[in-house]
Amino acid sequence: MSRSPTDAIYPNATLGNILILLNATAFGVYLVLVTPLMRKYNAFTVLARIFLVGAIIAVPFGWRDALTTDYAHFPLYIWAEVVYMVLFLTIIAYLLNNWALKYASPALLGVYIYLQPVLAVLIAVSLGKDHFTWGRALQAALIFGGVFLVSRKPRPQVPLEPVLD
């Protein structure tokens, strides 16, 4: 079996793609499960409990590394990046998602979330930080296709008439 040049650069691309698919699936399940909670409780309450469950799951895997890291030698820009990621990309993003679930369906919220990669590519290309390729166009088309399929209204069921003999 021959290997392509990209295999050497991205040896775990398939695993990464599978993990991204699992992440999207898990987030879709999250949106469906948290919607009834958002209609009943405050967004802060739901977020705090979800983060608590996440901490219970994640801490056993990372506590040793967290205790042995030399935080004193982190430059200021690293601390700023960590604060930015925790505050804006995690807490505020989930808080806004939870708040939006109080007023919109999980499918609509999922549409906005899954359009983010398309917007990121468009912004990167417009700033000259990336190049537009046919592969990216196909990826955007797949995202828009998925958005179309999710947002379609089901056809009303036509009742079958009984057959008279």
N, C-alpha and C. Protein backbone atom coordinates (compact mmCIF):
# COMPACT_ATOMS: atom_id res chain seq x y z
N MET A 1 0.84 -1.17 0.00
CA MET A 1 0.00 0.00 0.00
C MET A 1 0.89 1.23 0.00
N SER A 2 0.65 2.14 -0.93
CA SER A 2 1.46 3.34 -1.00
C SER A 2 0.88 4.41 -0.09
N ARG A 3 1.75 5.26 0.38
CA ARG A 3 1.34 6.33 1.29
C ARG A 3 1.47 7.66 0.58
N SER A 4 0.55 8.55 0.84
CA SER A 4 0.62 9.86 0.23
C SER A 4 1.54 10.76 1.04
N PRO A 5 2.02 11.87 0.46
CA PRO A 5 2.90 12.79 1.21
C PRO A 5 2.22 13.37 2.44
N THR A 6 0.90 13.52 2.42
CA THR A 6 0.22 14.08 3.59
C THR A 6 0.20 13.10 4.75
N ASP A 7 0.37 11.80 4.47
CA ASP A 7 0.42 10.82 5.56
C ASP A 7 1.61 11.07 6.48
N ALA A 8 2.73 11.52 5.91
CA ALA A 8 3.91 11.80 6.73
C ALA A 8 3.70 13.04 7.58
N ILE A 9 2.97 14.03 7.03
CA ILE A 9 2.75 15.26 7.77
C ILE A 9 1.68 15.07 8.83
N TYR A 10 0.60 14.34 8.48
CA TYR A 10 -0.52 14.12 9.39
C TYR A 10 -0.73 12.62 9.58
N PRO A 11 0.14 11.95 10.35
CA PRO A 11 0.02 10.49 10.47
C PRO A 11 -1.24 10.03 11.20
N ASN A 12 -1.83 10.89 12.01
CA ASN A 12 -3.02 10.51 12.78
C ASN A 12 -4.27 11.24 12.30
N ALA A 13 -4.31 11.61 11.02
CA ALA A 13 -5.44 12.38 10.49
C ALA A 13 -6.75 11.61 10.63
N THR A 14 -6.73 10.31 10.36
CA THR A 14 -7.97 9.53 10.45
C THR A 14 -8.47 9.50 11.89
N LEU A 15 -7.57 9.28 12.83
CA LEU A 15 -7.96 9.29 14.24
C LEU A 15 -8.50 10.66 14.62
N GLY A 16 -7.86 11.72 14.16
CA GLY A 16 -8.34 13.07 14.44
C GLY A 16 -9.72 13.31 13.88
N ASN A 17 -9.95 12.85 12.66
CA ASN A 17 -11.28 13.01 12.05
C ASN A 17 -12.34 12.23 12.81
N ILE A 18 -11.99 11.03 13.27
CA ILE A 18 -12.93 10.23 14.06
C ILE A 18 -13.24 10.93 15.38
N LEU A 19 -12.22 11.50 16.01
CA LEU A 19 -12.44 12.21 17.27
C LEU A 19 -13.29 13.46 17.06
N ILE A 20 -13.11 14.15 15.95
CA ILE A 20 -13.94 15.32 15.64
C ILE A 20 -15.39 14.88 15.43
N LEU A 21 -15.58 13.77 14.74
CA LEU A 21 -16.93 13.24 14.54
C LEU A 21 -17.57 12.86 15.88
N LEU A 22 -16.81 12.22 16.75
CA LEU A 22 -17.33 11.87 18.08
C LEU A 22 -17.66 13.12 18.88
N ASN A 23 -16.81 14.16 18.78
CA ASN A 23 -17.06 15.41 19.47
C ASN A 23 -18.36 16.04 18.99
N ALA A 24 -18.55 16.10 17.67
CA ALA A 24 -19.78 16.68 17.11
C ALA A 24 -21.00 15.88 17.54
N THR A 25 -20.87 14.57 17.57
CA THR A 25 -21.98 13.72 18.00
C THR A 25 -22.29 13.95 19.48
N ALA A 26 -21.25 13.99 20.30
CA ALA A 26 -21.46 14.22 21.73
C ALA A 26 -22.10 15.59 21.97
N PHE A 27 -21.66 16.60 21.22
CA PHE A 27 -22.24 17.93 21.40
C PHE A 27 -23.70 17.95 20.95
N GLY A 28 -24.02 17.23 19.90
CA GLY A 28 -25.42 17.12 19.47
C GLY A 28 -26.28 16.47 20.54
N VAL A 29 -25.76 15.41 21.15
CA VAL A 29 -26.49 14.75 22.25
C VAL A 29 -26.64 15.72 23.42
N TYR A 30 -25.58 16.46 23.72
CA TYR A 30 -25.62 17.46 24.79
C TYR A 30 -26.73 18.48 24.53
N LEU A 31 -26.81 18.99 23.30
CA LEU A 31 -27.83 19.98 22.98
C LEU A 31 -29.24 19.44 23.21
N VAL A 32 -29.44 18.19 22.85
CA VAL A 32 -30.77 17.60 23.02
C VAL A 32 -31.07 17.34 24.50
N LEU A 33 -30.08 16.86 25.25
CA LEU A 33 -30.31 16.54 26.65
C LEU A 33 -30.45 17.78 27.54
N VAL A 34 -29.72 18.84 27.23
CA VAL A 34 -29.72 20.01 28.10
C VAL A 34 -30.91 20.93 27.82
N THR A 35 -31.58 20.79 26.68
CA THR A 35 -32.69 21.67 26.34
C THR A 35 -33.80 21.66 27.40
N PRO A 36 -34.27 20.50 27.85
CA PRO A 36 -35.32 20.54 28.89
C PRO A 36 -34.82 21.16 30.19
N LEU A 37 -33.55 20.98 30.51
CA LEU A 37 -33.00 21.58 31.73
C LEU A 37 -32.98 23.10 31.61
N MET A 38 -32.67 23.62 30.41
CA MET A 38 -32.61 25.06 30.22
C MET A 38 -33.99 25.70 30.33
N ARG A 39 -35.01 24.96 30.01
CA ARG A 39 -36.36 25.51 30.11
C ARG A 39 -36.84 25.53 31.56
N LYS A 40 -36.14 24.77 32.41
CA LYS A 40 -36.55 24.66 33.81
C LYS A 40 -35.64 25.44 34.76
N TYR A 41 -34.31 25.47 34.47
CA TYR A 41 -33.35 26.08 35.38
C TYR A 41 -32.62 27.25 34.72
N ASN A 42 -31.91 28.00 35.54
CA ASN A 42 -31.08 29.11 35.09
C ASN A 42 -29.87 28.58 34.33
N ALA A 43 -29.40 29.33 33.32
CA ALA A 43 -28.26 28.90 32.51
C ALA A 43 -27.00 28.71 33.35
N PHE A 44 -26.78 29.57 34.36
CA PHE A 44 -25.62 29.44 35.23
C PHE A 44 -25.66 28.14 36.03
N THR A 45 -26.84 27.79 36.53
CA THR A 45 -27.00 26.56 37.31
C THR A 45 -26.68 25.33 36.46
N VAL A 46 -27.24 25.28 35.27
CA VAL A 46 -27.00 24.14 34.38
C VAL A 46 -25.52 24.06 34.01
N LEU A 47 -24.92 25.21 33.68
CA LEU A 47 -23.51 25.23 33.30
C LEU A 47 -22.63 24.75 34.45
N ALA A 48 -22.90 25.22 35.66
CA ALA A 48 -22.10 24.81 36.82
C ALA A 48 -22.18 23.31 37.04
N ARG A 49 -23.36 22.75 36.90
CA ARG A 49 -23.51 21.30 37.12
C ARG A 49 -22.85 20.49 36.00
N ILE A 50 -22.95 21.00 34.78
CA ILE A 50 -22.31 20.29 33.66
C ILE A 50 -20.79 20.34 33.82
N PHE A 51 -20.26 21.49 34.22
CA PHE A 51 -18.81 21.59 34.44
C PHE A 51 -18.37 20.70 35.61
N LEU A 52 -19.21 20.56 36.62
CA LEU A 52 -18.89 19.68 37.74
C LEU A 52 -18.80 18.23 37.26
N VAL A 53 -19.75 17.80 36.46
CA VAL A 53 -19.70 16.44 35.91
C VAL A 53 -18.45 16.26 35.05
N GLY A 54 -18.15 17.27 34.22
CA GLY A 54 -16.95 17.21 33.39
C GLY A 54 -15.68 17.13 34.23
N ALA A 55 -15.64 17.88 35.32
CA ALA A 55 -14.46 17.84 36.20
C ALA A 55 -14.31 16.46 36.85
N ILE A 56 -15.42 15.88 37.27
CA ILE A 56 -15.36 14.55 37.89
C ILE A 56 -14.81 13.53 36.89
N ILE A 57 -15.15 13.70 35.62
CA ILE A 57 -14.67 12.77 34.59
C ILE A 57 -13.21 13.07 34.23
N ALA A 58 -12.83 14.35 34.11
CA ALA A 58 -11.50 14.71 33.59
C ALA A 58 -10.39 14.74 34.64
N VAL A 59 -10.70 15.15 35.85
CA VAL A 59 -9.65 15.32 36.86
C VAL A 59 -8.84 14.04 37.12
N PRO A 60 -9.45 12.87 37.20
CA PRO A 60 -8.63 11.67 37.44
C PRO A 60 -7.56 11.43 36.36
N PHE A 61 -7.79 11.93 35.14
CA PHE A 61 -6.82 11.73 34.08
C PHE A 61 -5.72 12.80 34.06
N GLY A 62 -5.96 13.97 34.64
CA GLY A 62 -4.99 15.05 34.50
C GLY A 62 -4.42 15.62 35.77
N TRP A 63 -4.83 15.11 36.93
CA TRP A 63 -4.40 15.74 38.17
C TRP A 63 -2.90 15.65 38.40
N ARG A 64 -2.27 14.55 38.00
CA ARG A 64 -0.81 14.42 38.19
C ARG A 64 -0.06 15.47 37.38
N ASP A 65 -0.42 15.61 36.11
CA ASP A 65 0.24 16.62 35.27
C ASP A 65 -0.03 18.03 35.79
N ALA A 66 -1.24 18.27 36.28
CA ALA A 66 -1.57 19.60 36.81
C ALA A 66 -0.73 19.92 38.04
N LEU A 67 -0.42 18.92 38.84
CA LEU A 67 0.37 19.16 40.06
C LEU A 67 1.87 19.28 39.77
N THR A 68 2.35 18.68 38.69
CA THR A 68 3.79 18.70 38.42
C THR A 68 4.21 19.79 37.42
N THR A 69 3.26 20.54 36.89
CA THR A 69 3.58 21.60 35.93
C THR A 69 4.22 22.78 36.66
N ASP A 70 5.23 23.37 36.04
CA ASP A 70 5.95 24.51 36.62
C ASP A 70 5.27 25.81 36.17
N TYR A 71 4.21 26.17 36.86
CA TYR A 71 3.43 27.34 36.48
C TYR A 71 4.21 28.65 36.66
N ALA A 72 5.19 28.67 37.55
CA ALA A 72 5.95 29.90 37.82
C ALA A 72 6.74 30.37 36.60
N HIS A 73 7.06 29.47 35.69
CA HIS A 73 7.85 29.84 34.52
C HIS A 73 7.00 30.10 33.27
N PHE A 74 5.70 30.14 33.42
CA PHE A 74 4.84 30.49 32.29
C PHE A 74 4.97 31.98 32.02
N PRO A 75 5.23 32.37 30.78
CA PRO A 75 5.24 33.81 30.47
C PRO A 75 3.82 34.40 30.58
N LEU A 76 3.77 35.71 30.71
CA LEU A 76 2.49 36.39 30.88
C LEU A 76 1.53 36.13 29.72
N TYR A 77 2.05 36.05 28.49
CA TYR A 77 1.15 35.84 27.35
C TYR A 77 0.48 34.46 27.42
N ILE A 78 1.17 33.48 27.98
CA ILE A 78 0.56 32.14 28.15
C ILE A 78 -0.60 32.23 29.14
N TRP A 79 -0.41 32.92 30.24
CA TRP A 79 -1.48 33.09 31.21
C TRP A 79 -2.67 33.82 30.59
N ALA A 80 -2.37 34.84 29.79
CA ALA A 80 -3.45 35.58 29.11
C ALA A 80 -4.21 34.67 28.16
N GLU A 81 -3.49 33.82 27.43
CA GLU A 81 -4.14 32.89 26.51
C GLU A 81 -4.99 31.87 27.25
N VAL A 82 -4.50 31.38 28.37
CA VAL A 82 -5.26 30.41 29.17
C VAL A 82 -6.53 31.07 29.71
N VAL A 83 -6.41 32.28 30.25
CA VAL A 83 -7.58 32.99 30.77
C VAL A 83 -8.58 33.23 29.64
N TYR A 84 -8.11 33.65 28.48
CA TYR A 84 -8.98 33.89 27.33
C TYR A 84 -9.73 32.60 26.94
N MET A 85 -9.00 31.49 26.84
CA MET A 85 -9.63 30.22 26.45
C MET A 85 -10.65 29.76 27.48
N VAL A 86 -10.31 29.83 28.75
CA VAL A 86 -11.23 29.36 29.78
C VAL A 86 -12.45 30.27 29.87
N LEU A 87 -12.21 31.58 29.88
CA LEU A 87 -13.32 32.51 30.07
C LEU A 87 -14.20 32.63 28.82
N PHE A 88 -13.60 32.97 27.69
CA PHE A 88 -14.40 33.25 26.50
C PHE A 88 -14.77 32.00 25.69
N LEU A 89 -13.79 31.14 25.44
CA LEU A 89 -14.04 30.00 24.56
C LEU A 89 -14.73 28.84 25.27
N THR A 90 -14.75 28.87 26.58
CA THR A 90 -15.41 27.79 27.31
C THR A 90 -16.62 28.30 28.08
N ILE A 91 -16.39 29.10 29.11
CA ILE A 91 -17.49 29.50 30.00
C ILE A 91 -18.53 30.34 29.26
N ILE A 92 -18.11 31.43 28.63
CA ILE A 92 -19.08 32.30 27.98
C ILE A 92 -19.74 31.61 26.78
N ALA A 93 -18.96 30.84 26.02
CA ALA A 93 -19.54 30.14 24.87
C ALA A 93 -20.62 29.16 25.31
N TYR A 94 -20.33 28.35 26.32
CA TYR A 94 -21.34 27.40 26.80
C TYR A 94 -22.51 28.12 27.45
N LEU A 95 -22.24 29.20 28.16
CA LEU A 95 -23.31 29.96 28.79
C LEU A 95 -24.26 30.53 27.74
N LEU A 96 -23.71 31.07 26.66
CA LEU A 96 -24.55 31.60 25.58
C LEU A 96 -25.32 30.48 24.88
N ASN A 97 -24.67 29.33 24.68
CA ASN A 97 -25.37 28.19 24.08
C ASN A 97 -26.54 27.76 24.96
N ASN A 98 -26.29 27.65 26.26
CA ASN A 98 -27.35 27.24 27.18
C ASN A 98 -28.48 28.26 27.19
N TRP A 99 -28.13 29.55 27.21
CA TRP A 99 -29.15 30.59 27.20
C TRP A 99 -29.98 30.51 25.91
N ALA A 100 -29.31 30.29 24.78
CA ALA A 100 -30.01 30.21 23.49
C ALA A 100 -30.96 29.02 23.45
N LEU A 101 -30.62 27.94 24.14
CA LEU A 101 -31.50 26.76 24.15
C LEU A 101 -32.83 27.04 24.84
N LYS A 102 -32.87 28.07 25.65
CA LYS A 102 -34.12 28.44 26.30
C LYS A 102 -35.12 28.99 25.28
N TYR A 103 -34.59 29.55 24.16
CA TYR A 103 -35.44 30.23 23.19
C TYR A 103 -35.44 29.59 21.81
N ALA A 104 -34.55 28.66 21.55
CA ALA A 104 -34.45 28.07 20.22
C ALA A 104 -34.33 26.56 20.34
N SER A 105 -34.51 25.88 19.23
CA SER A 105 -34.40 24.42 19.23
C SER A 105 -32.94 24.00 19.17
N PRO A 106 -32.63 22.78 19.62
CA PRO A 106 -31.25 22.29 19.51
C PRO A 106 -30.77 22.24 18.06
N ALA A 107 -31.68 21.94 17.13
CA ALA A 107 -31.29 21.88 15.72
C ALA A 107 -30.83 23.24 15.22
N LEU A 108 -31.55 24.30 15.57
CA LEU A 108 -31.16 25.64 15.13
C LEU A 108 -29.83 26.04 15.74
N LEU A 109 -29.65 25.77 17.01
CA LEU A 109 -28.38 26.10 17.66
C LEU A 109 -27.24 25.30 17.04
N GLY A 110 -27.48 24.04 16.73
CA GLY A 110 -26.47 23.22 16.07
C GLY A 110 -26.07 23.78 14.72
N VAL A 111 -27.03 24.33 14.00
CA VAL A 111 -26.74 24.95 12.70
C VAL A 111 -25.73 26.06 12.86
N TYR A 112 -25.97 26.96 13.81
CA TYR A 112 -25.05 28.07 14.02
C TYR A 112 -23.66 27.58 14.45
N ILE A 113 -23.63 26.58 15.28
CA ILE A 113 -22.34 26.08 15.77
C ILE A 113 -21.55 25.41 14.66
N TYR A 114 -22.22 24.63 13.82
CA TYR A 114 -21.50 23.92 12.77
C TYR A 114 -21.16 24.80 11.58
N LEU A 115 -21.68 26.02 11.54
CA LEU A 115 -21.26 26.98 10.51
C LEU A 115 -19.97 27.69 10.90
N GLN A 116 -19.53 27.56 12.14
CA GLN A 116 -18.32 28.24 12.60
C GLN A 116 -17.08 27.89 11.78
N PRO A 117 -16.85 26.63 11.41
CA PRO A 117 -15.65 26.34 10.60
C PRO A 117 -15.67 27.06 9.25
N VAL A 118 -16.85 27.17 8.65
CA VAL A 118 -16.95 27.87 7.37
C VAL A 118 -16.60 29.34 7.56
N LEU A 119 -17.13 29.94 8.61
CA LEU A 119 -16.81 31.34 8.89
C LEU A 119 -15.33 31.52 9.20
N ALA A 120 -14.75 30.58 9.93
CA ALA A 120 -13.32 30.67 10.26
C ALA A 120 -12.46 30.64 9.00
N VAL A 121 -12.80 29.78 8.05
CA VAL A 121 -12.05 29.71 6.80
C VAL A 121 -12.22 31.00 6.01
N LEU A 122 -13.46 31.50 5.93
CA LEU A 122 -13.70 32.75 5.20
C LEU A 122 -12.92 33.91 5.81
N ILE A 123 -12.89 33.99 7.11
CA ILE A 123 -12.15 35.07 7.78
C ILE A 123 -10.65 34.90 7.54
N ALA A 124 -10.15 33.67 7.68
CA ALA A 124 -8.72 33.42 7.47
C ALA A 124 -8.30 33.74 6.03
N VAL A 125 -9.12 33.36 5.06
CA VAL A 125 -8.81 33.65 3.65
C VAL A 125 -8.85 35.15 3.41
N SER A 126 -9.87 35.84 3.96
CA SER A 126 -9.98 37.28 3.74
C SER A 126 -8.83 38.05 4.38
N LEU A 127 -8.26 37.52 5.46
CA LEU A 127 -7.11 38.16 6.11
C LEU A 127 -5.78 37.73 5.52
N GLY A 128 -5.82 36.85 4.53
CA GLY A 128 -4.60 36.37 3.90
C GLY A 128 -3.83 35.36 4.73
N LYS A 129 -4.47 34.76 5.71
CA LYS A 129 -3.81 33.78 6.58
C LYS A 129 -3.98 32.35 6.09
N ASP A 130 -4.83 32.16 5.08
CA ASP A 130 -5.09 30.82 4.55
C ASP A 130 -5.45 30.96 3.08
N HIS A 131 -5.54 29.83 2.39
CA HIS A 131 -5.88 29.82 0.98
C HIS A 131 -7.16 29.02 0.77
N PHE A 132 -7.96 29.49 -0.17
CA PHE A 132 -9.18 28.77 -0.51
C PHE A 132 -8.84 27.64 -1.46
N THR A 133 -9.31 26.43 -1.16
CA THR A 133 -9.06 25.27 -2.01
C THR A 133 -10.38 24.58 -2.32
N TRP A 134 -10.35 23.69 -3.32
CA TRP A 134 -11.54 22.92 -3.66
C TRP A 134 -11.93 21.99 -2.51
N GLY A 135 -10.94 21.53 -1.76
CA GLY A 135 -11.24 20.69 -0.60
C GLY A 135 -12.05 21.44 0.44
N ARG A 136 -11.66 22.69 0.69
CA ARG A 136 -12.42 23.51 1.64
C ARG A 136 -13.82 23.83 1.10
N ALA A 137 -13.91 24.03 -0.20
CA ALA A 137 -15.22 24.28 -0.81
C ALA A 137 -16.13 23.06 -0.63
N LEU A 138 -15.57 21.87 -0.81
CA LEU A 138 -16.34 20.64 -0.61
C LEU A 138 -16.76 20.50 0.85
N GLN A 139 -15.85 20.81 1.78
CA GLN A 139 -16.19 20.75 3.19
C GLN A 139 -17.31 21.71 3.53
N ALA A 140 -17.25 22.93 2.99
CA ALA A 140 -18.31 23.91 3.23
C ALA A 140 -19.63 23.41 2.64
N ALA A 141 -19.56 22.81 1.45
CA ALA A 141 -20.78 22.29 0.82
C ALA A 141 -21.39 21.18 1.68
N LEU A 142 -20.56 20.34 2.26
CA LEU A 142 -21.07 19.27 3.13
C LEU A 142 -21.72 19.86 4.38
N ILE A 143 -21.11 20.91 4.94
CA ILE A 143 -21.70 21.56 6.11
C ILE A 143 -23.05 22.17 5.74
N PHE A 144 -23.09 22.91 4.62
CA PHE A 144 -24.35 23.51 4.20
C PHE A 144 -25.39 22.44 3.88
N GLY A 145 -24.96 21.32 3.32
CA GLY A 145 -25.88 20.22 3.05
C GLY A 145 -26.46 19.66 4.34
N GLY A 146 -25.61 19.49 5.34
CA GLY A 146 -26.09 19.02 6.64
C GLY A 146 -27.04 20.00 7.29
N VAL A 147 -26.71 21.29 7.20
CA VAL A 147 -27.59 22.33 7.73
C VAL A 147 -28.94 22.28 7.03
N PHE A 148 -28.93 22.11 5.71
CA PHE A 148 -30.18 22.03 4.95
C PHE A 148 -31.01 20.83 5.40
N LEU A 149 -30.37 19.67 5.56
CA LEU A 149 -31.10 18.47 5.96
C LEU A 149 -31.70 18.62 7.36
N VAL A 150 -30.95 19.24 8.25
CA VAL A 150 -31.44 19.39 9.63
C VAL A 150 -32.57 20.41 9.71
N SER A 151 -32.50 21.45 8.89
CA SER A 151 -33.47 22.52 9.01
C SER A 151 -34.75 22.29 8.21
N ARG A 152 -34.78 21.24 7.40
CA ARG A 152 -36.00 20.96 6.61
C ARG A 152 -37.14 20.56 7.52
N LYS A 153 -38.30 21.05 7.19
CA LYS A 153 -39.51 20.66 7.92
C LYS A 153 -39.98 19.31 7.37
N PRO A 154 -40.39 18.39 8.24
CA PRO A 154 -40.89 17.11 7.74
C PRO A 154 -42.20 17.31 6.98
N ARG A 155 -42.38 16.49 5.97
CA ARG A 155 -43.62 16.54 5.20
C ARG A 155 -44.75 15.99 6.06
N PRO A 156 -45.93 16.61 5.94
CA PRO A 156 -47.06 16.06 6.69
C PRO A 156 -47.42 14.68 6.17
N GLN A 157 -47.74 13.80 7.07
CA GLN A 157 -48.09 12.43 6.71
C GLN A 157 -49.52 12.40 6.17
N VAL A 158 -49.67 11.81 5.03
CA VAL A 158 -50.99 11.65 4.43
C VAL A 158 -51.54 10.32 4.92
N PRO A 159 -52.69 10.35 5.57
CA PRO A 159 -53.24 9.08 6.07
C PRO A 159 -53.65 8.18 4.89
N LEU A 160 -53.37 6.92 5.06
CA LEU A 160 -53.75 5.95 4.05
C LEU A 160 -55.24 5.67 4.14
N GLU A 161 -55.87 5.61 2.98
CA GLU A 161 -57.30 5.31 2.97
C GLU A 161 -57.48 3.80 3.04
N PRO A 162 -58.47 3.36 3.77
CA PRO A 162 -58.69 1.91 3.86
C PRO A 162 -59.14 1.36 2.50
N VAL A 163 -58.72 0.17 2.22
CA VAL A 163 -59.12 -0.49 0.97
C VAL A 163 -60.40 -1.24 1.23
N LEU A 164 -61.40 -0.93 0.44
CA LEU A 164 -62.70 -1.60 0.58
C LEU A 164 -62.82 -2.69 -0.46
N ASP A 165 -63.18 -3.86 -0.04
CA ASP A 165 -63.36 -4.99 -0.99
C ASP A 165 -64.79 -5.14 -1.37
